[in-house]
Amino acid sequence: MRPVINKKPKYEIMPVGDELSGVIYLEKRGSLTVGEASAVDLIDSKRQKAAIIASKLVKKISVDRGVSIAEAQEMLSPTRSADAGVEVDNSAVIYDYIEDFTELNSLSAIDSASVSIAIATLMIQKRVAFPVELLAPVAFNSTSIKIAPISFYLKDKQVIKFGDCLVIVNGNHEPAVEEDYLIVNVFPVSENLEATTGFLYSKGEKKYQVGTEDWTEEDTKGCSNEFVVAIYKFYENERSRWQVEAPVSNAVQGEQPPVQLTGAASTGESSLTEY
């Protein structure tokens, strides 16, 4: 029997990036889920394993060949010898420790940039929300809305949440990325709406639809470095629960510096990632 969790946490949808790097909307939860933390640990553990293997191999070469740690390090990853300024030939070392070198090379590609790309990809796969931008105000009881071009399908009965208003799509609508705008038929809207941005929403689950399995690391590699950095910063904030130490100079003497919370205004409620 599954346990019943009565209280659903409030989540936010917030923009990440800017007009120059690109903007994506991610779900802010205030922390990482167990699954996300586990995936990040797996990504980072490969890089740590490479460092451990390299350290052990350096010590092994140092003992086997009776050289210093520095000399062993030079044999492991040679550039130029310090005295003669010529390339150091380490082919014999590679041959003697071929298995260690093979494993090390397979893991060495996992550098800091690769970790950032992997984590940015994970955040998009698990947290991305699907925005629908109203290009014009919507009057009460309207049966159509004018939106910016979208790259995903709007299916019949799909719910879009604008603030507290749930708008239900009437009929199927294909993506229209090359159009200036898209007219979407909807069931009568329950209130007046200003031109704003809403997000796909699951009425039954009472949560935003977030996450996609279609995004890959190759997609992330095609984005700008600034875009990846912005998503990685979002991840770091989620990991730290958005806690930032207040400057000491701003603290009142004898009092504990307050914890500052960073983030966008709440756009509604959500729960776990929906697929």
C-alpha atoms as a PDB file:
ATOM      1  CA  MET A   1       0.000   0.000   0.000  1.00  0.00           C
ATOM      2  CA  ARG A   2       1.380   3.413  -1.010  1.00  0.00           C
ATOM      3  CA  PRO A   3       1.587   6.156   1.621  1.00  0.00           C
ATOM      4  CA  VAL A   4      -0.693   9.151   1.137  1.00  0.00           C
ATOM      5  CA  ILE A   5       1.006  12.547   1.038  1.00  0.00           C
ATOM      6  CA  ASN A   6      -1.650  15.149   1.773  1.00  0.00           C
ATOM      7  CA  LYS A   7       0.341  18.351   1.449  1.00  0.00           C
ATOM      8  CA  LYS A   8       1.538  19.361  -2.003  1.00  0.00           C
ATOM      9  CA  PRO A   9       4.446  21.815  -2.109  1.00  0.00           C
ATOM     10  CA  LYS A  10       4.139  25.095  -3.985  1.00  0.00           C
ATOM     11  CA  TYR A  11       6.392  25.304  -6.981  1.00  0.00           C
ATOM     12  CA  GLU A  12       7.176  28.223  -9.275  1.00  0.00           C
ATOM     13  CA  ILE A  13       7.906  28.592 -12.960  1.00  0.00           C
ATOM     14  CA  MET A  14      10.744  31.026 -13.531  1.00  0.00           C
ATOM     15  CA  PRO A  15      12.628  32.277 -16.589  1.00  0.00           C
ATOM     16  CA  VAL A  16      16.298  31.327 -16.880  1.00  0.00           C
ATOM     17  CA  GLY A  17      18.689  33.118 -19.234  1.00  0.00           C
ATOM     18  CA  ASP A  18      18.162  36.370 -21.125  1.00  0.00           C
ATOM     19  CA  GLU A  19      17.334  37.674 -24.587  1.00  0.00           C
ATOM     20  CA  LEU A  20      20.938  37.379 -25.747  1.00  0.00           C
ATOM     21  CA  SER A  21      21.664  33.865 -24.505  1.00  0.00           C
ATOM     22  CA  GLY A  22      18.129  32.549 -24.856  1.00  0.00           C
ATOM     23  CA  VAL A  23      15.349  32.142 -22.290  1.00  0.00           C
ATOM     24  CA  ILE A  24      13.896  28.911 -20.980  1.00  0.00           C
ATOM     25  CA  TYR A  25      11.300  28.397 -18.253  1.00  0.00           C
ATOM     26  CA  LEU A  26      12.190  25.954 -15.477  1.00  0.00           C
ATOM     27  CA  GLU A  27      10.261  24.794 -12.448  1.00  0.00           C
ATOM     28  CA  LYS A  28      11.746  26.074  -9.213  1.00  0.00           C
ATOM     29  CA  ARG A  29      11.184  23.634  -6.355  1.00  0.00           C
ATOM     30  CA  GLY A  30      13.575  25.048  -3.787  1.00  0.00           C
ATOM     31  CA  SER A  31      15.703  21.906  -3.741  1.00  0.00           C
ATOM     32  CA  LEU A  32      16.700  18.910  -5.827  1.00  0.00           C
ATOM     33  CA  THR A  33      14.586  15.781  -5.870  1.00  0.00           C
ATOM     34  CA  VAL A  34      16.159  12.506  -4.756  1.00  0.00           C
ATOM     35  CA  GLY A  35      16.265  11.345  -8.378  1.00  0.00           C
ATOM     36  CA  GLU A  36      17.926  14.538  -9.590  1.00  0.00           C
ATOM     37  CA  ALA A  37      20.522  14.474  -6.804  1.00  0.00           C
ATOM     38  CA  SER A  38      21.290  10.837  -7.603  1.00  0.00           C
ATOM     39  CA  ALA A  39      21.727  11.634 -11.309  1.00  0.00           C
ATOM     40  CA  VAL A  40      24.052  14.554 -10.496  1.00  0.00           C
ATOM     41  CA  ASP A  41      26.110  12.352  -8.161  1.00  0.00           C
ATOM     42  CA  LEU A  42      26.503   9.819 -10.954  1.00  0.00           C
ATOM     43  CA  ILE A  43      27.649  12.524 -13.382  1.00  0.00           C
ATOM     44  CA  ASP A  44      30.181  13.969 -10.957  1.00  0.00           C
ATOM     45  CA  SER A  45      31.396  10.603  -9.684  1.00  0.00           C
ATOM     46  CA  LYS A  46      32.814   9.800 -13.137  1.00  0.00           C
ATOM     47  CA  ARG A  47      34.977  12.916 -13.023  1.00  0.00           C
ATOM     48  CA  GLN A  48      36.083  12.106  -9.465  1.00  0.00           C
ATOM     49  CA  LYS A  49      36.905   8.548 -10.508  1.00  0.00           C
ATOM     50  CA  ALA A  50      39.179   9.870 -13.250  1.00  0.00           C
ATOM     51  CA  ALA A  51      41.083  11.976 -10.705  1.00  0.00           C
ATOM     52  CA  ILE A  52      41.455   8.989  -8.379  1.00  0.00           C
ATOM     53  CA  ILE A  53      42.711   6.710 -11.163  1.00  0.00           C
ATOM     54  CA  ALA A  54      45.205   9.351 -12.295  1.00  0.00           C
ATOM     55  CA  SER A  55      46.492   9.823  -8.731  1.00  0.00           C
ATOM     56  CA  LYS A  56      46.931   6.088  -8.187  1.00  0.00           C
ATOM     57  CA  LEU A  57      48.652   5.678 -11.543  1.00  0.00           C
ATOM     58  CA  VAL A  58      51.114   8.483 -10.775  1.00  0.00           C
ATOM     59  CA  LYS A  59      52.034   6.826  -7.469  1.00  0.00           C
ATOM     60  CA  LYS A  60      52.335   3.439  -9.177  1.00  0.00           C
ATOM     61  CA  ILE A  61      54.676   4.808 -11.845  1.00  0.00           C
ATOM     62  CA  SER A  62      56.684   6.631  -9.181  1.00  0.00           C
ATOM     63  CA  VAL A  63      57.241   3.408  -7.180  1.00  0.00           C
ATOM     64  CA  ASP A  64      57.786   1.101 -10.155  1.00  0.00           C
ATOM     65  CA  ARG A  65      60.297   3.360 -11.883  1.00  0.00           C
ATOM     66  CA  GLY A  66      61.916   4.908  -8.847  1.00  0.00           C
ATOM     67  CA  VAL A  67      61.128   8.480  -9.857  1.00  0.00           C
ATOM     68  CA  SER A  68      59.571  11.410  -8.048  1.00  0.00           C
ATOM     69  CA  ILE A  69      55.842  12.128  -8.092  1.00  0.00           C
ATOM     70  CA  ALA A  70      56.489  15.154 -10.313  1.00  0.00           C
ATOM     71  CA  GLU A  71      58.444  13.035 -12.802  1.00  0.00           C
ATOM     72  CA  ALA A  72      55.754  10.366 -12.766  1.00  0.00           C
ATOM     73  CA  GLN A  73      53.155  13.042 -13.418  1.00  0.00           C
ATOM     74  CA  GLU A  74      55.193  14.233 -16.395  1.00  0.00           C
ATOM     75  CA  MET A  75      55.257  10.700 -17.769  1.00  0.00           C
ATOM     76  CA  LEU A  76      51.503  10.391 -17.330  1.00  0.00           C
ATOM     77  CA  SER A  77      50.618  13.600 -19.161  1.00  0.00           C
ATOM     78  CA  PRO A  78      53.752  14.965 -20.857  1.00  0.00           C
ATOM     79  CA  THR A  79      54.017  18.349 -22.506  1.00  0.00           C
ATOM     80  CA  ARG A  80      57.639  19.403 -22.744  1.00  0.00           C
ATOM     81  CA  SER A  81      60.570  18.501 -20.561  1.00  0.00           C
ATOM     82  CA  ALA A  82      61.546  21.254 -18.172  1.00  0.00           C
ATOM     83  CA  ASP A  83      65.235  21.240 -19.098  1.00  0.00           C
ATOM     84  CA  ALA A  84      65.457  20.557 -22.840  1.00  0.00           C
ATOM     85  CA  GLY A  85      62.141  22.013 -23.902  1.00  0.00           C
ATOM     86  CA  VAL A  86      61.357  19.037 -26.121  1.00  0.00           C
ATOM     87  CA  GLU A  87      58.395  16.686 -26.234  1.00  0.00           C
ATOM     88  CA  VAL A  88      58.630  13.843 -23.734  1.00  0.00           C
ATOM     89  CA  ASP A  89      58.078  10.386 -25.226  1.00  0.00           C
ATOM     90  CA  ASN A  90      55.870   8.374 -22.877  1.00  0.00           C
ATOM     91  CA  SER A  91      54.948   5.568 -25.294  1.00  0.00           C
ATOM     92  CA  ALA A  92      56.790   2.995 -23.188  1.00  0.00           C
ATOM     93  CA  VAL A  93      54.901   4.074 -20.078  1.00  0.00           C
ATOM     94  CA  ILE A  94      51.586   3.866 -21.909  1.00  0.00           C
ATOM     95  CA  TYR A  95      52.441   0.337 -23.107  1.00  0.00           C
ATOM     96  CA  ASP A  96      53.382  -0.839 -19.591  1.00  0.00           C
ATOM     97  CA  TYR A  97      50.187   0.569 -18.072  1.00  0.00           C
ATOM     98  CA  ILE A  98      47.873   0.256 -21.069  1.00  0.00           C
ATOM     99  CA  GLU A  99      44.800  -0.861 -19.082  1.00  0.00           C
ATOM    100  CA  ASP A 100      45.094   2.048 -16.658  1.00  0.00           C
ATOM    101  CA  PHE A 101      45.600   4.528 -19.505  1.00  0.00           C
ATOM    102  CA  THR A 102      42.593   3.152 -21.394  1.00  0.00           C
ATOM    103  CA  GLU A 103      40.275   3.581 -18.418  1.00  0.00           C
ATOM    104  CA  LEU A 104      41.720   6.997 -17.618  1.00  0.00           C
ATOM    105  CA  ASN A 105      41.249   8.260 -21.174  1.00  0.00           C
ATOM    106  CA  SER A 106      37.635   7.116 -21.213  1.00  0.00           C
ATOM    107  CA  LEU A 107      36.926   9.179 -18.109  1.00  0.00           C
ATOM    108  CA  SER A 108      39.175  12.179 -18.759  1.00  0.00           C
ATOM    109  CA  ALA A 109      36.703  13.581 -21.290  1.00  0.00           C
ATOM    110  CA  ILE A 110      34.358  14.275 -18.387  1.00  0.00           C
ATOM    111  CA  ASP A 111      35.736  17.700 -17.534  1.00  0.00           C
ATOM    112  CA  SER A 112      34.013  20.668 -15.889  1.00  0.00           C
ATOM    113  CA  ALA A 113      32.426  21.776 -19.164  1.00  0.00           C
ATOM    114  CA  SER A 114      31.044  18.297 -19.763  1.00  0.00           C
ATOM    115  CA  VAL A 115      29.592  18.204 -16.254  1.00  0.00           C
ATOM    116  CA  SER A 116      27.904  21.590 -16.812  1.00  0.00           C
ATOM    117  CA  ILE A 117      26.411  20.368 -20.087  1.00  0.00           C
ATOM    118  CA  ALA A 118      25.199  17.131 -18.494  1.00  0.00           C
ATOM    119  CA  ILE A 119      23.593  18.931 -15.559  1.00  0.00           C
ATOM    120  CA  ALA A 120      21.999  21.621 -17.771  1.00  0.00           C
ATOM    121  CA  THR A 121      20.569  18.814 -19.898  1.00  0.00           C
ATOM    122  CA  LEU A 122      19.217  17.092 -16.792  1.00  0.00           C
ATOM    123  CA  MET A 123      17.518  20.287 -15.612  1.00  0.00           C
ATOM    124  CA  ILE A 124      15.817  20.736 -18.974  1.00  0.00           C
ATOM    125  CA  GLN A 125      14.754  17.093 -19.124  1.00  0.00           C
ATOM    126  CA  LYS A 126      13.231  17.235 -15.638  1.00  0.00           C
ATOM    127  CA  ARG A 127      12.161  20.863 -15.132  1.00  0.00           C
ATOM    128  CA  VAL A 128      11.363  22.603 -18.432  1.00  0.00           C
ATOM    129  CA  ALA A 129       7.893  24.167 -18.620  1.00  0.00           C
ATOM    130  CA  PHE A 130       5.963  24.948 -21.804  1.00  0.00           C
ATOM    131  CA  PRO A 131       5.058  28.642 -22.110  1.00  0.00           C
ATOM    132  CA  VAL A 132       2.080  30.033 -23.986  1.00  0.00           C
ATOM    133  CA  GLU A 133       2.341  33.794 -24.511  1.00  0.00           C
ATOM    134  CA  LEU A 134      -0.843  35.807 -24.963  1.00  0.00           C
ATOM    135  CA  LEU A 135      -0.257  38.533 -27.543  1.00  0.00           C
ATOM    136  CA  ALA A 136      -3.512  40.351 -26.826  1.00  0.00           C
ATOM    137  CA  PRO A 137      -5.896  40.727 -23.865  1.00  0.00           C
ATOM    138  CA  VAL A 138      -8.686  38.176 -23.626  1.00  0.00           C
ATOM    139  CA  ALA A 139     -12.233  39.174 -22.690  1.00  0.00           C
ATOM    140  CA  PHE A 140     -14.537  37.165 -20.461  1.00  0.00           C
ATOM    141  CA  ASN A 141     -16.324  34.388 -22.385  1.00  0.00           C
ATOM    142  CA  SER A 142     -13.960  34.644 -25.383  1.00  0.00           C
ATOM    143  CA  THR A 143     -13.665  31.448 -27.398  1.00  0.00           C
ATOM    144  CA  SER A 144     -10.291  32.146 -28.993  1.00  0.00           C
ATOM    145  CA  ILE A 145      -6.914  33.486 -27.904  1.00  0.00           C
ATOM    146  CA  LYS A 146      -4.052  35.015 -29.890  1.00  0.00           C
ATOM    147  CA  ILE A 147      -0.693  33.565 -28.880  1.00  0.00           C
ATOM    148  CA  ALA A 148       2.955  33.755 -29.932  1.00  0.00           C
ATOM    149  CA  PRO A 149       4.264  30.928 -32.162  1.00  0.00           C
ATOM    150  CA  ILE A 150       4.835  27.647 -30.331  1.00  0.00           C
ATOM    151  CA  SER A 151       6.964  24.582 -31.080  1.00  0.00           C
ATOM    152  CA  PHE A 152       4.668  21.992 -29.496  1.00  0.00           C
ATOM    153  CA  TYR A 153       1.176  20.629 -30.143  1.00  0.00           C
ATOM    154  CA  LEU A 154      -1.867  21.910 -28.273  1.00  0.00           C
ATOM    155  CA  LYS A 155      -4.246  18.987 -27.999  1.00  0.00           C
ATOM    156  CA  ASP A 156      -7.994  19.079 -27.478  1.00  0.00           C
ATOM    157  CA  LYS A 157      -8.858  19.672 -23.788  1.00  0.00           C
ATOM    158  CA  GLN A 158      -5.282  20.738 -23.031  1.00  0.00           C
ATOM    159  CA  VAL A 159      -5.261  23.170 -20.097  1.00  0.00           C
ATOM    160  CA  ILE A 160      -3.197  26.364 -20.060  1.00  0.00           C
ATOM    161  CA  LYS A 161      -2.843  28.186 -16.756  1.00  0.00           C
ATOM    162  CA  PHE A 162      -2.624  31.982 -16.888  1.00  0.00           C
ATOM    163  CA  GLY A 163      -2.192  33.139 -13.302  1.00  0.00           C
ATOM    164  CA  ASP A 164      -5.177  31.565 -11.529  1.00  0.00           C
ATOM    165  CA  CYS A 165      -7.239  31.195 -14.691  1.00  0.00           C
ATOM    166  CA  LEU A 166      -7.434  27.825 -16.437  1.00  0.00           C
ATOM    167  CA  VAL A 167      -8.059  28.072 -20.177  1.00  0.00           C
ATOM    168  CA  ILE A 168      -9.093  24.871 -21.967  1.00  0.00           C
ATOM    169  CA  VAL A 169      -8.131  24.311 -25.594  1.00  0.00           C
ATOM    170  CA  ASN A 170     -10.946  23.413 -28.006  1.00  0.00           C
ATOM    171  CA  GLY A 171      -9.622  21.143 -30.781  1.00  0.00           C
ATOM    172  CA  ASN A 172      -6.092  20.221 -31.836  1.00  0.00           C
ATOM    173  CA  HIS A 173      -3.569  22.863 -32.898  1.00  0.00           C
ATOM    174  CA  GLU A 174      -0.257  22.135 -34.597  1.00  0.00           C
ATOM    175  CA  PRO A 175       3.017  23.990 -33.896  1.00  0.00           C
ATOM    176  CA  ALA A 176       3.443  27.254 -35.789  1.00  0.00           C
ATOM    177  CA  VAL A 177       7.032  28.341 -35.266  1.00  0.00           C
ATOM    178  CA  GLU A 178       7.272  30.268 -38.552  1.00  0.00           C
ATOM    179  CA  GLU A 179       4.049  32.249 -38.116  1.00  0.00           C
ATOM    180  CA  ASP A 180       3.752  35.694 -36.558  1.00  0.00           C
ATOM    181  CA  TYR A 181       1.001  34.456 -34.262  1.00  0.00           C
ATOM    182  CA  LEU A 182      -1.444  31.599 -33.753  1.00  0.00           C
ATOM    183  CA  ILE A 183      -5.185  31.763 -33.087  1.00  0.00           C
ATOM    184  CA  VAL A 184      -6.237  28.993 -30.702  1.00  0.00           C
ATOM    185  CA  ASN A 185      -9.847  27.998 -30.175  1.00  0.00           C
ATOM    186  CA  VAL A 186     -10.741  27.598 -26.527  1.00  0.00           C
ATOM    187  CA  PHE A 187     -13.781  26.960 -24.410  1.00  0.00           C
ATOM    188  CA  PRO A 188     -15.323  30.183 -23.003  1.00  0.00           C
ATOM    189  CA  VAL A 189     -12.736  31.923 -20.841  1.00  0.00           C
ATOM    190  CA  SER A 190     -13.877  32.402 -17.244  1.00  0.00           C
ATOM    191  CA  GLU A 191     -12.364  35.869 -16.691  1.00  0.00           C
ATOM    192  CA  ASN A 192     -10.680  38.810 -18.397  1.00  0.00           C
ATOM    193  CA  LEU A 193      -7.006  38.254 -19.078  1.00  0.00           C
ATOM    194  CA  GLU A 194      -4.216  40.702 -19.797  1.00  0.00           C
ATOM    195  CA  ALA A 195      -1.496  39.868 -22.317  1.00  0.00           C
ATOM    196  CA  THR A 196       0.709  37.557 -20.253  1.00  0.00           C
ATOM    197  CA  THR A 197       2.463  34.199 -20.310  1.00  0.00           C
ATOM    198  CA  GLY A 198       0.850  30.986 -19.129  1.00  0.00           C
ATOM    199  CA  PHE A 199       2.029  27.391 -19.038  1.00  0.00           C
ATOM    200  CA  LEU A 200       0.690  23.967 -19.913  1.00  0.00           C
ATOM    201  CA  TYR A 201      -1.081  22.564 -16.888  1.00  0.00           C
ATOM    202  CA  SER A 202      -2.596  19.274 -15.725  1.00  0.00           C
ATOM    203  CA  LYS A 203      -5.947  20.067 -14.156  1.00  0.00           C
ATOM    204  CA  GLY A 204      -6.424  16.582 -12.727  1.00  0.00           C
ATOM    205  CA  GLU A 205      -2.967  16.461 -11.176  1.00  0.00           C
ATOM    206  CA  LYS A 206      -3.056  20.150 -10.212  1.00  0.00           C
ATOM    207  CA  LYS A 207       0.458  20.730 -11.431  1.00  0.00           C
ATOM    208  CA  TYR A 208       2.332  22.221 -14.364  1.00  0.00           C
ATOM    209  CA  GLN A 209       3.423  19.910 -17.125  1.00  0.00           C
ATOM    210  CA  VAL A 210       7.202  19.916 -16.971  1.00  0.00           C
ATOM    211  CA  GLY A 211      10.027  17.839 -18.370  1.00  0.00           C
ATOM    212  CA  THR A 212      10.791  16.331 -21.746  1.00  0.00           C
ATOM    213  CA  GLU A 213      12.533  13.169 -22.880  1.00  0.00           C
ATOM    214  CA  ASP A 214      13.236  14.656 -26.306  1.00  0.00           C
ATOM    215  CA  TRP A 215      16.069  16.954 -25.174  1.00  0.00           C
ATOM    216  CA  THR A 216      19.606  15.534 -25.381  1.00  0.00           C
ATOM    217  CA  GLU A 217      23.140  16.630 -24.515  1.00  0.00           C
ATOM    218  CA  GLU A 218      23.703  17.295 -28.209  1.00  0.00           C
ATOM    219  CA  ASP A 219      20.868  19.847 -28.060  1.00  0.00           C
ATOM    220  CA  THR A 220      22.547  21.513 -25.075  1.00  0.00           C
ATOM    221  CA  LYS A 221      25.897  21.617 -26.876  1.00  0.00           C
ATOM    222  CA  GLY A 222      24.220  23.604 -29.636  1.00  0.00           C
ATOM    223  CA  CYS A 223      23.282  26.372 -27.166  1.00  0.00           C
ATOM    224  CA  SER A 224      25.446  29.314 -26.175  1.00  0.00           C
ATOM    225  CA  ASN A 225      27.888  29.024 -23.288  1.00  0.00           C
ATOM    226  CA  GLU A 226      26.017  31.809 -21.469  1.00  0.00           C
ATOM    227  CA  PHE A 227      22.775  29.823 -21.729  1.00  0.00           C
ATOM    228  CA  VAL A 228      24.365  26.698 -20.219  1.00  0.00           C
ATOM    229  CA  VAL A 229      25.951  28.793 -17.453  1.00  0.00           C
ATOM    230  CA  ALA A 230      22.563  30.315 -16.588  1.00  0.00           C
ATOM    231  CA  ILE A 231      20.944  26.880 -16.266  1.00  0.00           C
ATOM    232  CA  TYR A 232      23.866  25.585 -14.211  1.00  0.00           C
ATOM    233  CA  LYS A 233      23.479  28.584 -11.900  1.00  0.00           C
ATOM    234  CA  PHE A 234      19.800  27.670 -11.512  1.00  0.00           C
ATOM    235  CA  TYR A 235      20.868  24.140 -10.575  1.00  0.00           C
ATOM    236  CA  GLU A 236      23.350  25.457  -7.998  1.00  0.00           C
ATOM    237  CA  ASN A 237      20.610  27.598  -6.426  1.00  0.00           C
ATOM    238  CA  GLU A 238      18.265  24.625  -6.256  1.00  0.00           C
ATOM    239  CA  ARG A 239      21.031  22.512  -4.710  1.00  0.00           C
ATOM    240  CA  SER A 240      21.727  25.167  -2.065  1.00  0.00           C
ATOM    241  CA  ARG A 241      17.979  25.768  -1.526  1.00  0.00           C
ATOM    242  CA  TRP A 242      18.478  29.371  -2.713  1.00  0.00           C
ATOM    243  CA  GLN A 243      20.284  30.318   0.478  1.00  0.00           C
ATOM    244  CA  VAL A 244      22.739  33.201   0.191  1.00  0.00           C
ATOM    245  CA  GLU A 245      24.735  34.484   3.123  1.00  0.00           C
ATOM    246  CA  ALA A 246      24.005  38.126   3.852  1.00  0.00           C
ATOM    247  CA  PRO A 247      27.037  40.488   3.858  1.00  0.00           C
ATOM    248  CA  VAL A 248      28.470  40.840   7.379  1.00  0.00           C
ATOM    249  CA  SER A 249      28.417  44.640   7.085  1.00  0.00           C
ATOM    250  CA  ASN A 250      24.638  44.588   6.734  1.00  0.00           C
ATOM    251  CA  ALA A 251      24.044  42.491   9.843  1.00  0.00           C
ATOM    252  CA  VAL A 252      22.911  44.106  13.097  1.00  0.00           C
ATOM    253  CA  GLN A 253      25.478  43.572  15.834  1.00  0.00           C
ATOM    254  CA  GLY A 254      24.543  40.643  18.041  1.00  0.00           C
ATOM    255  CA  GLU A 255      22.017  39.238  15.571  1.00  0.00           C
ATOM    256  CA  GLN A 256      22.262  36.340  13.162  1.00  0.00           C
ATOM    257  CA  PRO A 257      22.442  37.520   9.509  1.00  0.00           C
ATOM    258  CA  PRO A 258      19.139  36.750   7.779  1.00  0.00           C
ATOM    259  CA  VAL A 259      18.871  34.161   5.023  1.00  0.00           C
ATOM    260  CA  GLN A 260      18.043  35.711   1.665  1.00  0.00           C
ATOM    261  CA  LEU A 261      15.751  33.938  -0.728  1.00  0.00           C
ATOM    262  CA  THR A 262      16.118  34.485  -4.456  1.00  0.00           C
ATOM    263  CA  GLY A 263      13.548  33.690  -7.132  1.00  0.00           C
ATOM    264  CA  ALA A 264      10.589  34.821  -9.194  1.00  0.00           C
ATOM    265  CA  ALA A 265       7.101  35.396  -7.924  1.00  0.00           C
ATOM    266  CA  SER A 266       4.974  32.274  -7.614  1.00  0.00           C
ATOM    267  CA  THR A 267       2.932  31.328 -10.631  1.00  0.00           C
ATOM    268  CA  GLY A 268       0.916  28.600  -8.995  1.00  0.00           C
ATOM    269  CA  GLU A 269       1.207  25.081  -7.609  1.00  0.00           C
ATOM    270  CA  SER A 270       2.759  21.940  -8.921  1.00  0.00           C
ATOM    271  CA  SER A 271       3.998  18.638  -7.636  1.00  0.00           C
ATOM    272  CA  LEU A 272       6.301  16.076  -9.165  1.00  0.00           C
ATOM    273  CA  THR A 273       7.574  16.023 -12.734  1.00  0.00           C
ATOM    274  CA  GLU A 274       4.935  14.907 -15.210  1.00  0.00           C
ATOM    275  CA  TYR A 275       5.782  12.802 -18.239  1.00  0.00           C
END
